């Protein structure tokens, strides 16, 4: 990095696009579902919320149909 860039004095500002990226929701999930994702997330070294988001994102991208 060049010495003329002094980032110590830089003012931080919130990301104006952050709210467009994710929306917080509350979902009633079964205990076994949460435990499953917590275990898998621990193995991968990420949070279980992020793992659930990645799984749902994969469902959207692959346009997976639900069968029950």
PDB file of N, CA and C in Angstrom:
ATOM      1  N   UNK A   1       0.844  -1.171   0.000  1.00  0.00           N
ATOM      2  CA  UNK A   1       0.000   0.000   0.000  1.00  0.00           C
ATOM      3  C   UNK A   1       0.891   1.237   0.000  1.00  0.00           C
ATOM      4  N   UNK A   2       0.477   2.230  -0.703  1.00  0.00           N
ATOM      5  CA  UNK A   2       1.241   3.463  -0.763  1.00  0.00           C
ATOM      6  C   UNK A   2       1.147   4.202   0.561  1.00  0.00           C
ATOM      7  N   UNK A   3       2.227   4.854   0.982  1.00  0.00           N
ATOM      8  CA  UNK A   3       2.197   5.562   2.271  1.00  0.00           C
ATOM      9  C   UNK A   3       1.250   6.765   2.285  1.00  0.00           C
ATOM     10  N   UNK A   4       0.902   7.316   1.130  1.00  0.00           N
ATOM     11  CA  UNK A   4       0.017   8.482   1.123  1.00  0.00           C
ATOM     12  C   UNK A   4      -1.434   8.143   1.447  1.00  0.00           C
ATOM     13  N   UNK A   5      -1.777   6.843   1.435  1.00  0.00           N
ATOM     14  CA  UNK A   5      -3.122   6.426   1.819  1.00  0.00           C
ATOM     15  C   UNK A   5      -3.158   6.251   3.331  1.00  0.00           C
ATOM     16  N   UNK A   6      -3.787   7.175   4.013  1.00  0.00           N
ATOM     17  CA  UNK A   6      -3.889   7.105   5.471  1.00  0.00           C
ATOM     18  C   UNK A   6      -5.313   6.683   5.831  1.00  0.00           C
ATOM     19  N   UNK A   7      -5.512   5.392   5.988  1.00  0.00           N
ATOM     20  CA  UNK A   7      -6.842   4.869   6.273  1.00  0.00           C
ATOM     21  C   UNK A   7      -7.244   5.019   7.730  1.00  0.00           C
ATOM     22  N   UNK A   8      -6.281   5.376   8.587  1.00  0.00           N
ATOM     23  CA  UNK A   8      -6.583   5.533  10.011  1.00  0.00           C
ATOM     24  C   UNK A   8      -7.543   6.692  10.239  1.00  0.00           C
ATOM     25  N   UNK A   9      -7.488   7.700   9.390  1.00  0.00           N
ATOM     26  CA  UNK A   9      -8.349   8.872   9.551  1.00  0.00           C
ATOM     27  C   UNK A   9      -9.614   8.799   8.697  1.00  0.00           C
ATOM     28  N   UNK A  10      -9.806   7.703   8.025  1.00  0.00           N
ATOM     29  CA  UNK A  10     -10.968   7.562   7.159  1.00  0.00           C
ATOM     30  C   UNK A  10     -12.241   7.391   7.991  1.00  0.00           C
ATOM     31  N   UNK A  11     -13.263   8.130   7.621  1.00  0.00           N
ATOM     32  CA  UNK A  11     -14.542   8.013   8.320  1.00  0.00           C
ATOM     33  C   UNK A  11     -15.305   6.823   7.754  1.00  0.00           C
ATOM     34  N   UNK A  12     -15.813   5.986   8.641  1.00  0.00           N
ATOM     35  CA  UNK A  12     -16.592   4.838   8.175  1.00  0.00           C
ATOM     36  C   UNK A  12     -18.028   5.287   7.925  1.00  0.00           C
ATOM     37  N   UNK A  13     -18.665   4.624   7.004  1.00  0.00           N
ATOM     38  CA  UNK A  13     -20.063   4.914   6.716  1.00  0.00           C
ATOM     39  C   UNK A  13     -20.766   3.605   6.413  1.00  0.00           C
ATOM     40  N   UNK A  14     -22.033   3.524   6.715  1.00  0.00           N
ATOM     41  CA  UNK A  14     -22.751   2.280   6.461  1.00  0.00           C
ATOM     42  C   UNK A  14     -22.896   2.021   4.960  1.00  0.00           C
ATOM     43  N   UNK A  15     -22.956   0.750   4.633  1.00  0.00           N
ATOM     44  CA  UNK A  15     -23.147   0.348   3.250  1.00  0.00           C
ATOM     45  C   UNK A  15     -24.583   0.678   2.838  1.00  0.00           C
ATOM     46  N   UNK A  16     -24.770   1.541   1.819  1.00  0.00           N
ATOM     47  CA  UNK A  16     -26.143   1.911   1.434  1.00  0.00           C
ATOM     48  C   UNK A  16     -26.918   0.762   0.791  1.00  0.00           C
ATOM     49  N   UNK A  17     -26.231  -0.283   0.379  1.00  0.00           N
ATOM     50  CA  UNK A  17     -26.886  -1.409  -0.275  1.00  0.00           C
ATOM     51  C   UNK A  17     -27.109  -2.594   0.659  1.00  0.00           C
ATOM     52  N   UNK A  18     -26.674  -2.502   1.900  1.00  0.00           N
ATOM     53  CA  UNK A  18     -26.747  -3.630   2.834  1.00  0.00           C
ATOM     54  C   UNK A  18     -28.178  -4.107   3.047  1.00  0.00           C
ATOM     55  N   UNK A  19     -29.125  -3.203   3.153  1.00  0.00           N
ATOM     56  CA  UNK A  19     -30.513  -3.610   3.390  1.00  0.00           C
ATOM     57  C   UNK A  19     -31.114  -4.302   2.179  1.00  0.00           C
ATOM     58  N   UNK A  20     -30.570  -4.048   0.998  1.00  0.00           N
ATOM     59  CA  UNK A  20     -31.082  -4.687  -0.196  1.00  0.00           C
ATOM     60  C   UNK A  20     -30.543  -6.114  -0.336  1.00  0.00           C
ATOM     61  N   UNK A  21     -29.458  -6.422   0.347  1.00  0.00           N
ATOM     62  CA  UNK A  21     -28.827  -7.720   0.200  1.00  0.00           C
ATOM     63  C   UNK A  21     -29.531  -8.815   0.995  1.00  0.00           C
ATOM     64  N   UNK A  22     -29.955  -8.486   2.202  1.00  0.00           N
ATOM     65  CA  UNK A  22     -30.606  -9.483   3.062  1.00  0.00           C
ATOM     66  C   UNK A  22     -31.729  -8.824   3.841  1.00  0.00           C
ATOM     67  N   UNK A  23     -32.710  -9.627   4.193  1.00  0.00           N
ATOM     68  CA  UNK A  23     -33.815  -9.157   5.011  1.00  0.00           C
ATOM     69  C   UNK A  23     -33.986 -10.127   6.167  1.00  0.00           C
ATOM     70  N   UNK A  24     -34.037  -9.591   7.359  1.00  0.00           N
ATOM     71  CA  UNK A  24     -34.194 -10.438   8.536  1.00  0.00           C
ATOM     72  C   UNK A  24     -35.637 -10.899   8.658  1.00  0.00           C
ATOM     73  N   UNK A  25     -35.822 -12.211   8.872  1.00  0.00           N
ATOM     74  CA  UNK A  25     -37.153 -12.788   9.063  1.00  0.00           C
ATOM     75  C   UNK A  25     -37.110 -13.738  10.251  1.00  0.00           C
ATOM     76  N   UNK A  26     -38.262 -14.020  10.777  1.00  0.00           N
ATOM     77  CA  UNK A  26     -38.389 -14.982  11.864  1.00  0.00           C
ATOM     78  C   UNK A  26     -39.161 -16.180  11.339  1.00  0.00           C
ATOM     79  N   UNK A  27     -38.564 -17.366  11.475  1.00  0.00           N
ATOM     80  CA  UNK A  27     -39.193 -18.595  10.997  1.00  0.00           C
ATOM     81  C   UNK A  27     -39.282 -19.608  12.128  1.00  0.00           C
ATOM     82  N   UNK A  28     -40.423 -20.224  12.303  1.00  0.00           N
ATOM     83  CA  UNK A  28     -40.503 -21.312  13.272  1.00  0.00           C
ATOM     84  C   UNK A  28     -39.959 -22.601  12.633  1.00  0.00           C
ATOM     85  N   UNK A  29     -38.775 -23.007  13.058  1.00  0.00           N
ATOM     86  CA  UNK A  29     -38.139 -24.211  12.526  1.00  0.00           C
ATOM     87  C   UNK A  29     -38.158 -25.301  13.583  1.00  0.00           C
ATOM     88  N   UNK A  30     -38.273 -26.536  13.138  1.00  0.00           N
ATOM     89  CA  UNK A  30     -38.234 -27.661  14.061  1.00  0.00           C
ATOM     90  C   UNK A  30     -36.861 -27.796  14.703  1.00  0.00           C
ATOM     91  N   UNK A  31     -36.848 -28.308  15.904  1.00  0.00           N
ATOM     92  CA  UNK A  31     -35.599 -28.457  16.650  1.00  0.00           C
ATOM     93  C   UNK A  31     -34.619 -29.348  15.894  1.00  0.00           C
ATOM     94  N   UNK A  32     -35.133 -30.431  15.300  1.00  0.00           N
ATOM     95  CA  UNK A  32     -34.252 -31.339  14.565  1.00  0.00           C
ATOM     96  C   UNK A  32     -33.649 -30.658  13.331  1.00  0.00           C
ATOM     97  N   UNK A  33     -34.385 -29.734  12.724  1.00  0.00           N
ATOM     98  CA  UNK A  33     -33.860 -28.988  11.572  1.00  0.00           C
ATOM     99  C   UNK A  33     -32.719 -28.086  12.013  1.00  0.00           C
ATOM    100  N   UNK A  34     -32.935 -27.367  13.096  1.00  0.00           N
ATOM    101  CA  UNK A  34     -31.896 -26.469  13.614  1.00  0.00           C
ATOM    102  C   UNK A  34     -30.662 -27.258  14.015  1.00  0.00           C
ATOM    103  N   UNK A  35     -30.848 -28.368  14.721  1.00  0.00           N
ATOM    104  CA  UNK A  35     -29.707 -29.183  15.153  1.00  0.00           C
ATOM    105  C   UNK A  35     -28.938 -29.739  13.960  1.00  0.00           C
ATOM    106  N   UNK A  36     -29.649 -30.146  12.915  1.00  0.00           N
ATOM    107  CA  UNK A  36     -29.000 -30.652  11.702  1.00  0.00           C
ATOM    108  C   UNK A  36     -28.101 -29.577  11.097  1.00  0.00           C
ATOM    109  N   UNK A  37     -28.645 -28.379  10.908  1.00  0.00           N
ATOM    110  CA  UNK A  37     -27.867 -27.308  10.295  1.00  0.00           C
ATOM    111  C   UNK A  37     -26.751 -26.820  11.217  1.00  0.00           C
ATOM    112  N   UNK A  38     -26.961 -26.831  12.522  1.00  0.00           N
ATOM    113  CA  UNK A  38     -25.897 -26.449  13.451  1.00  0.00           C
ATOM    114  C   UNK A  38     -24.721 -27.416  13.353  1.00  0.00           C
ATOM    115  N   UNK A  39     -25.017 -28.711  13.282  1.00  0.00           N
ATOM    116  CA  UNK A  39     -23.965 -29.722  13.185  1.00  0.00           C
ATOM    117  C   UNK A  39     -23.196 -29.571  11.876  1.00  0.00           C
ATOM    118  N   UNK A  40     -23.912 -29.428  10.767  1.00  0.00           N
ATOM    119  CA  UNK A  40     -23.265 -29.266   9.460  1.00  0.00           C
ATOM    120  C   UNK A  40     -22.456 -27.971   9.400  1.00  0.00           C
ATOM    121  N   UNK A  41     -22.993 -26.906   9.980  1.00  0.00           N
ATOM    122  CA  UNK A  41     -22.305 -25.615   9.972  1.00  0.00           C
ATOM    123  C   UNK A  41     -21.016 -25.679  10.791  1.00  0.00           C
ATOM    124  N   UNK A  42     -21.068 -26.381  11.915  1.00  0.00           N
ATOM    125  CA  UNK A  42     -19.870 -26.539  12.745  1.00  0.00           C
ATOM    126  C   UNK A  42     -18.784 -27.283  11.978  1.00  0.00           C
ATOM    127  N   UNK A  43     -19.174 -28.296  11.216  1.00  0.00           N
ATOM    128  CA  UNK A  43     -18.216 -29.044  10.392  1.00  0.00           C
ATOM    129  C   UNK A  43     -17.575 -28.152   9.329  1.00  0.00           C
ATOM    130  N   UNK A  44     -18.365 -27.220   8.787  1.00  0.00           N
ATOM    131  CA  UNK A  44     -17.885 -26.341   7.718  1.00  0.00           C
ATOM    132  C   UNK A  44     -17.226 -25.066   8.248  1.00  0.00           C
ATOM    133  N   UNK A  45     -17.426 -24.767   9.528  1.00  0.00           N
ATOM    134  CA  UNK A  45     -16.813 -23.577  10.118  1.00  0.00           C
ATOM    135  C   UNK A  45     -17.548 -22.284   9.802  1.00  0.00           C
ATOM    136  N   UNK A  46     -18.873 -22.376   9.593  1.00  0.00           N
ATOM    137  CA  UNK A  46     -19.678 -21.180   9.368  1.00  0.00           C
ATOM    138  C   UNK A  46     -20.877 -21.220  10.298  1.00  0.00           C
ATOM    139  N   UNK A  47     -21.632 -20.123  10.360  1.00  0.00           N
ATOM    140  CA  UNK A  47     -22.808 -20.097  11.226  1.00  0.00           C
ATOM    141  C   UNK A  47     -23.937 -20.912  10.590  1.00  0.00           C
ATOM    142  N   UNK A  48     -24.798 -21.449  11.426  1.00  0.00           N
ATOM    143  CA  UNK A  48     -25.895 -22.252  10.886  1.00  0.00           C
ATOM    144  C   UNK A  48     -26.883 -21.379  10.120  1.00  0.00           C
ATOM    145  N   UNK A  49     -27.020 -20.099  10.505  1.00  0.00           N
ATOM    146  CA  UNK A  49     -27.901 -19.204   9.767  1.00  0.00           C
ATOM    147  C   UNK A  49     -27.385 -19.015   8.340  1.00  0.00           C
ATOM    148  N   UNK A  50     -26.069 -18.852   8.210  1.00  0.00           N
ATOM    149  CA  UNK A  50     -25.474 -18.686   6.888  1.00  0.00           C
ATOM    150  C   UNK A  50     -25.636 -19.966   6.069  1.00  0.00           C
ATOM    151  N   UNK A  51     -25.501 -21.111   6.707  1.00  0.00           N
ATOM    152  CA  UNK A  51     -25.665 -22.385   6.005  1.00  0.00           C
ATOM    153  C   UNK A  51     -27.104 -22.556   5.510  1.00  0.00           C
ATOM    154  N   UNK A  52     -28.069 -22.207   6.331  1.00  0.00           N
ATOM    155  CA  UNK A  52     -29.468 -22.278   5.909  1.00  0.00           C
ATOM    156  C   UNK A  52     -29.696 -21.337   4.735  1.00  0.00           C
ATOM    157  N   UNK A  53     -29.128 -20.140   4.803  1.00  0.00           N
ATOM    158  CA  UNK A  53     -29.268 -19.187   3.700  1.00  0.00           C
ATOM    159  C   UNK A  53     -28.647 -19.744   2.423  1.00  0.00           C
ATOM    160  N   UNK A  54     -27.472 -20.350   2.526  1.00  0.00           N
ATOM    161  CA  UNK A  54     -26.819 -20.927   1.350  1.00  0.00           C
ATOM    162  C   UNK A  54     -27.655 -22.060   0.758  1.00  0.00           C
ATOM    163  N   UNK A  55     -28.234 -22.883   1.613  1.00  0.00           N
ATOM    164  CA  UNK A  55     -29.072 -23.981   1.143  1.00  0.00           C
ATOM    165  C   UNK A  55     -30.311 -23.456   0.416  1.00  0.00           C
ATOM    166  N   UNK A  56     -30.961 -22.466   1.007  1.00  0.00           N
ATOM    167  CA  UNK A  56     -32.153 -21.902   0.376  1.00  0.00           C
ATOM    168  C   UNK A  56     -31.807 -21.183  -0.918  1.00  0.00           C
ATOM    169  N   UNK A  57     -30.652 -20.532  -0.935  1.00  0.00           N
ATOM    170  CA  UNK A  57     -30.193 -19.864  -2.150  1.00  0.00           C
ATOM    171  C   UNK A  57     -29.954 -20.884  -3.263  1.00  0.00           C
ATOM    172  N   UNK A  58     -29.405 -22.041  -2.906  1.00  0.00           N
ATOM    173  CA  UNK A  58     -29.203 -23.111  -3.877  1.00  0.00           C
ATOM    174  C   UNK A  58     -30.542 -23.603  -4.421  1.00  0.00           C
ATOM    175  N   UNK A  59     -31.542 -23.700  -3.557  1.00  0.00           N
ATOM    176  CA  UNK A  59     -32.880 -24.104  -3.996  1.00  0.00           C
ATOM    177  C   UNK A  59     -33.446 -23.108  -5.002  1.00  0.00           C
ATOM    178  N   UNK A  60     -33.218 -21.825  -4.756  1.00  0.00           N
ATOM    179  CA  UNK A  60     -33.711 -20.793  -5.668  1.00  0.00           C
ATOM    180  C   UNK A  60     -32.997 -20.888  -7.008  1.00  0.00           C
ATOM    181  N   UNK A  61     -31.677 -20.993  -6.976  1.00  0.00           N
ATOM    182  CA  UNK A  61     -30.909 -21.020  -8.218  1.00  0.00           C
ATOM    183  C   UNK A  61     -31.215 -22.252  -9.070  1.00  0.00           C
ATOM    184  N   UNK A  62     -31.431 -23.384  -8.418  1.00  0.00           N
ATOM    185  CA  UNK A  62     -31.733 -24.607  -9.160  1.00  0.00           C
ATOM    186  C   UNK A  62     -33.237 -24.777  -9.401  1.00  0.00           C
ATOM    187  N   UNK A  63     -34.028 -23.831  -8.898  1.00  0.00           N
ATOM    188  CA  UNK A  63     -35.491 -23.858  -9.008  1.00  0.00           C
ATOM    189  C   UNK A  63     -36.046 -25.207  -8.572  1.00  0.00           C
ATOM    190  N   UNK A  64     -35.549 -25.673  -7.435  1.00  0.00           N
ATOM    191  CA  UNK A  64     -35.972 -26.954  -6.884  1.00  0.00           C
ATOM    192  C   UNK A  64     -37.438 -26.941  -6.515  1.00  0.00           C
ATOM    193  N   UNK A  65     -38.147 -27.971  -6.922  1.00  0.00           N
ATOM    194  CA  UNK A  65     -39.570 -28.104  -6.590  1.00  0.00           C
ATOM    195  C   UNK A  65     -39.720 -28.824  -5.263  1.00  0.00           C
ATOM    196  N   UNK A  66     -40.741 -28.467  -4.522  1.00  0.00           N
ATOM    197  CA  UNK A  66     -41.003 -29.115  -3.239  1.00  0.00           C
ATOM    198  C   UNK A  66     -41.930 -30.302  -3.438  1.00  0.00           C
ATOM    199  N   UNK A  67     -41.583 -31.385  -2.791  1.00  0.00           N
ATOM    200  CA  UNK A  67     -42.411 -32.589  -2.823  1.00  0.00           C
ATOM    201  C   UNK A  67     -42.669 -33.015  -1.381  1.00  0.00           C
ATOM    202  N   UNK A  68     -43.937 -33.089  -0.995  1.00  0.00           N
ATOM    203  CA  UNK A  68     -44.277 -33.550   0.357  1.00  0.00           C
ATOM    204  C   UNK A  68     -45.611 -34.219   0.363  1.00  0.00           C
TER     205      UNK A  68
END
